[in-house]
Protein backbone atom coordinates (compact mmCIF):
# COMPACT_ATOMS: atom_id res chain seq x y z
CA MET A 1 125.17 102.42 73.95
CA PRO A 2 123.37 105.20 76.62
CA ASN A 3 120.57 103.81 78.58
CA LEU A 4 118.08 105.87 77.00
CA ALA A 5 115.16 104.94 78.92
CA ILE A 6 112.38 107.41 80.34
CA PRO A 7 111.84 106.91 83.53
CA ALA A 8 108.68 105.38 85.41
CA ALA A 9 107.28 108.67 86.46
CA GLU A 10 107.45 110.39 83.19
CA ALA A 11 106.19 107.37 81.00
CA LEU A 12 103.12 107.46 83.28
CA GLU A 13 102.30 110.85 83.02
CA ARG A 14 102.72 110.80 79.08
CA LEU A 15 100.53 108.57 79.41
CA VAL A 16 97.31 110.26 81.41
CA GLU A 17 98.49 113.31 79.28
CA GLY A 18 97.71 111.29 76.33
CA ASN A 19 94.14 109.81 77.79
CA HIS A 20 93.19 113.57 78.30
CA ARG A 21 93.71 114.60 74.56
CA PHE A 22 91.95 111.52 73.20
CA LEU A 23 88.76 112.36 75.88
CA ARG A 24 88.93 116.18 74.45
CA GLY A 25 89.36 115.25 70.50
CA GLU A 26 92.76 116.29 70.59
CA ALA A 27 94.62 112.83 69.40
CA ARG A 28 97.73 113.65 67.70
CA ASN A 29 98.55 110.26 66.61
CA ALA A 30 96.65 110.19 63.04
CA ALA A 31 99.42 112.16 60.84
CA PHE A 32 101.44 109.63 58.74
CA CYS A 33 104.42 110.77 58.63
CA PRO A 34 107.97 109.49 56.70
CA GLU A 35 110.77 110.82 58.98
CA THR A 36 109.42 109.13 61.68
CA LEU A 37 108.84 105.86 59.41
CA ALA A 38 112.82 106.19 58.46
CA LYS A 39 114.20 106.73 62.17
CA LEU A 40 112.43 103.46 63.30
CA ALA A 41 113.65 101.49 60.88
CA ASP A 42 116.96 101.98 62.49
CA GLY A 43 115.10 100.48 65.86
CA GLN A 44 112.58 101.14 68.40
CA ARG A 45 112.37 103.22 72.00
CA PRO A 46 109.19 102.80 73.26
CA PHE A 47 108.19 105.28 76.56
CA ALA A 48 106.45 102.08 77.91
CA THR A 49 105.13 98.24 77.68
CA ILE A 50 101.92 97.90 78.03
CA LEU A 51 100.17 94.42 78.96
CA GLY A 52 95.65 94.81 76.94
CA CYS A 53 93.12 92.79 76.09
CA SER A 54 92.82 91.77 72.29
CA ASP A 55 89.13 93.35 72.69
CA SER A 56 88.84 95.84 69.46
CA ARG A 57 87.45 98.40 71.37
CA VAL A 58 90.95 98.88 73.30
CA ALA A 59 93.55 100.40 71.43
CA PRO A 60 96.11 101.39 73.76
CA GLU A 61 98.40 103.27 71.02
CA ILE A 62 94.81 105.19 70.41
CA VAL A 63 93.61 105.25 74.06
CA PHE A 64 96.97 107.36 75.35
CA ASP A 65 96.80 108.78 72.06
CA SER A 66 100.83 107.45 70.88
CA GLY A 67 102.74 107.24 67.53
CA LEU A 68 104.53 104.89 66.11
CA GLY A 69 107.81 103.23 68.16
CA GLU A 70 106.14 104.69 71.65
CA LEU A 71 104.57 102.09 73.16
CA PHE A 72 105.27 98.00 73.15
CA ILE A 73 101.88 96.51 73.52
CA ILE A 74 101.15 92.61 74.40
CA ARG A 75 97.60 92.09 73.61
CA VAL A 76 95.93 88.74 74.34
CA ALA A 77 92.48 87.81 75.75
CA GLY A 78 91.93 88.59 79.36
CA ASN A 79 95.49 90.16 79.42
CA ILE A 80 96.42 87.26 81.01
CA VAL A 81 99.92 85.79 81.56
CA SER A 82 101.44 83.47 80.18
CA PRO A 83 105.01 81.94 79.04
CA GLU A 84 104.93 83.46 76.08
CA ILE A 85 103.79 87.01 77.56
CA MET A 86 105.85 86.93 80.12
CA GLY A 87 108.79 86.00 78.17
CA SER A 88 107.61 89.22 76.02
CA PHE A 89 107.73 91.88 79.70
CA GLN A 90 111.53 90.82 79.78
CA TYR A 91 112.77 91.54 76.56
CA ALA A 92 111.10 95.00 76.70
CA ALA A 93 112.94 95.04 79.70
CA MET A 94 116.10 94.02 79.15
CA HIS A 95 116.37 95.20 75.43
CA LEU A 96 113.98 97.90 75.00
CA GLN A 97 114.63 99.47 78.78
CA THR A 98 110.95 100.48 79.40
CA ALA A 99 110.50 101.41 82.67
CA LEU A 100 106.62 101.81 82.77
CA PHE A 101 104.95 97.97 82.50
CA VAL A 102 100.50 98.62 82.61
CA VAL A 103 98.96 95.92 82.81
CA LEU A 104 95.75 97.13 80.85
CA GLY A 105 91.74 95.50 80.90
CA HIS A 106 89.01 97.11 79.98
CA GLU A 107 84.93 96.84 81.31
CA GLY A 108 82.82 94.28 79.79
CA CYS A 109 85.92 92.21 79.09
CA GLY A 110 84.55 88.95 77.38
CA ALA A 111 87.25 86.92 78.64
CA VAL A 112 86.16 87.86 82.16
CA HIS A 113 82.54 86.77 81.81
CA ALA A 114 83.23 83.89 80.22
CA ALA A 115 85.31 82.75 83.93
CA LEU A 116 82.40 83.68 85.36
CA ASP A 117 80.36 81.98 83.78
CA GLN A 118 83.00 79.05 84.42
CA ILE A 119 82.75 79.70 87.76
CA HIS A 120 79.14 79.87 88.59
CA HIS A 121 77.77 77.66 85.98
CA GLY A 122 80.59 74.71 85.30
CA SER A 123 80.60 76.05 81.00
CA ASP A 124 82.52 73.54 79.09
CA PRO A 125 84.34 75.59 76.97
CA PRO A 126 86.87 74.38 73.98
CA SER A 127 90.28 73.42 74.81
CA GLY A 128 91.75 76.73 73.77
CA VAL A 129 89.10 79.24 75.64
CA ALA A 130 89.98 76.55 78.38
CA THR A 131 93.54 77.50 78.67
CA LEU A 132 92.74 80.95 78.44
CA LEU A 133 90.33 81.32 81.36
CA ARG A 134 92.63 78.83 83.70
CA GLY A 135 94.90 82.15 83.37
CA ILE A 136 91.80 84.35 84.70
CA THR A 137 90.01 82.47 87.21
CA PRO A 138 92.47 81.95 89.92
CA GLY A 139 92.68 85.52 90.33
CA LEU A 140 89.21 85.93 90.85
CA ALA A 141 88.55 83.67 93.74
CA ASN A 142 88.16 86.35 96.40
CA LEU A 143 85.66 88.21 94.87
CA ARG A 144 83.02 88.99 96.87
CA ARG A 145 79.60 86.66 96.65
CA GLY A 146 76.20 87.55 96.39
CA ALA A 147 77.23 90.85 94.62
CA ASP A 148 74.53 91.87 91.62
CA PRO A 149 75.75 90.83 88.29
CA ASP A 150 77.30 94.19 86.95
CA ALA A 151 79.29 95.47 90.00
CA GLU A 152 80.58 91.64 90.30
CA MET A 153 81.84 92.41 86.47
CA ARG A 154 83.49 95.29 87.51
CA ASP A 155 85.15 93.90 90.65
CA ALA A 156 86.25 90.60 88.47
CA VAL A 157 87.64 92.90 85.93
CA GLU A 158 89.71 94.62 88.17
CA ALA A 159 90.86 91.48 90.62
CA ASN A 160 91.75 90.25 86.92
CA VAL A 161 94.38 92.91 86.00
CA ARG A 162 95.62 92.48 89.75
CA TRP A 163 95.95 89.21 88.82
CA SER A 164 97.74 89.66 86.13
CA MET A 165 100.15 92.35 87.93
CA HIS A 166 100.68 89.86 90.48
CA GLN A 167 102.15 87.07 88.32
CA ILE A 168 104.36 89.66 86.64
CA HIS A 169 105.53 91.01 90.42
CA GLU A 170 106.49 87.72 91.96
CA THR A 171 109.10 87.05 88.60
CA PRO A 172 112.53 87.24 90.21
CA GLU A 173 113.76 89.15 87.53
CA ALA A 174 110.98 91.82 88.01
CA GLN A 175 111.23 91.45 91.41
CA ALA A 176 115.14 92.40 91.24
CA ARG A 177 114.07 95.83 88.69
CA ALA A 178 111.98 97.44 91.52
CA ARG A 179 114.19 96.52 93.95
CA GLU A 180 116.83 98.91 91.70
CA GLY A 181 114.19 101.60 90.89
CA ALA A 182 114.66 100.62 87.40
CA MET A 183 110.72 99.09 86.87
CA LYS A 184 107.31 100.46 87.99
CA LEU A 185 104.61 98.27 87.44
CA VAL A 186 101.00 99.71 87.54
CA GLY A 187 97.28 98.71 86.49
CA ALA A 188 94.56 100.06 84.95
CA VAL A 189 90.74 99.98 83.80
CA TYR A 190 89.74 101.34 80.45
CA GLU A 191 86.35 102.49 80.30
CA ILE A 192 84.64 101.66 77.13
CA ALA A 193 81.39 104.28 77.51
CA THR A 194 83.65 107.13 78.74
CA GLY A 195 86.79 106.52 77.11
CA ARG A 196 89.09 107.25 80.04
CA VAL A 197 91.79 105.22 81.16
CA ARG A 198 90.94 104.33 85.27
CA TRP A 199 94.72 104.06 87.32
CA LEU A 200 94.41 101.47 89.65
CA GLU A 201 95.88 102.37 93.77
């Protein structure tokens, strides 16, 4: 089978342009097209893989103005990395051949807020939530203390995105693909109040 993967730079440009259309109110992804469904029945060829939060306000297909079959999306509260998430990333790399991988956090993330609450106040969440928070708290270890709550939350959301990226990047598979130039990993934060996606350096 020929490699039809879209290069990472082109995939990132498509995401940026899609978010711009979304911000301008010119989104094109809502149209129903039976022909598209018929083509997708034969298989998928997404141009990017996105790990995002489960928050109902952050839907990557809408935020990036992308249609059915264009994005391979993995969603979990706090955009954490777990063995299942890692397996999904590896599936996207091996079988779907996406070159661009994005970790998408968002302003005011409830899971990140809960992790901060546990750090500061020693809260005792239910066991399932505690497992989720264990995927977040290591990435918040170096946050500035004494910051005002809003600034700390903004820093924590970004730190959580970078922590997920770090875990993905440290896998042998990701490092091998990066050396081959077959993978680009980027982080971003969605601004709920404006709809803008802010790309991290």
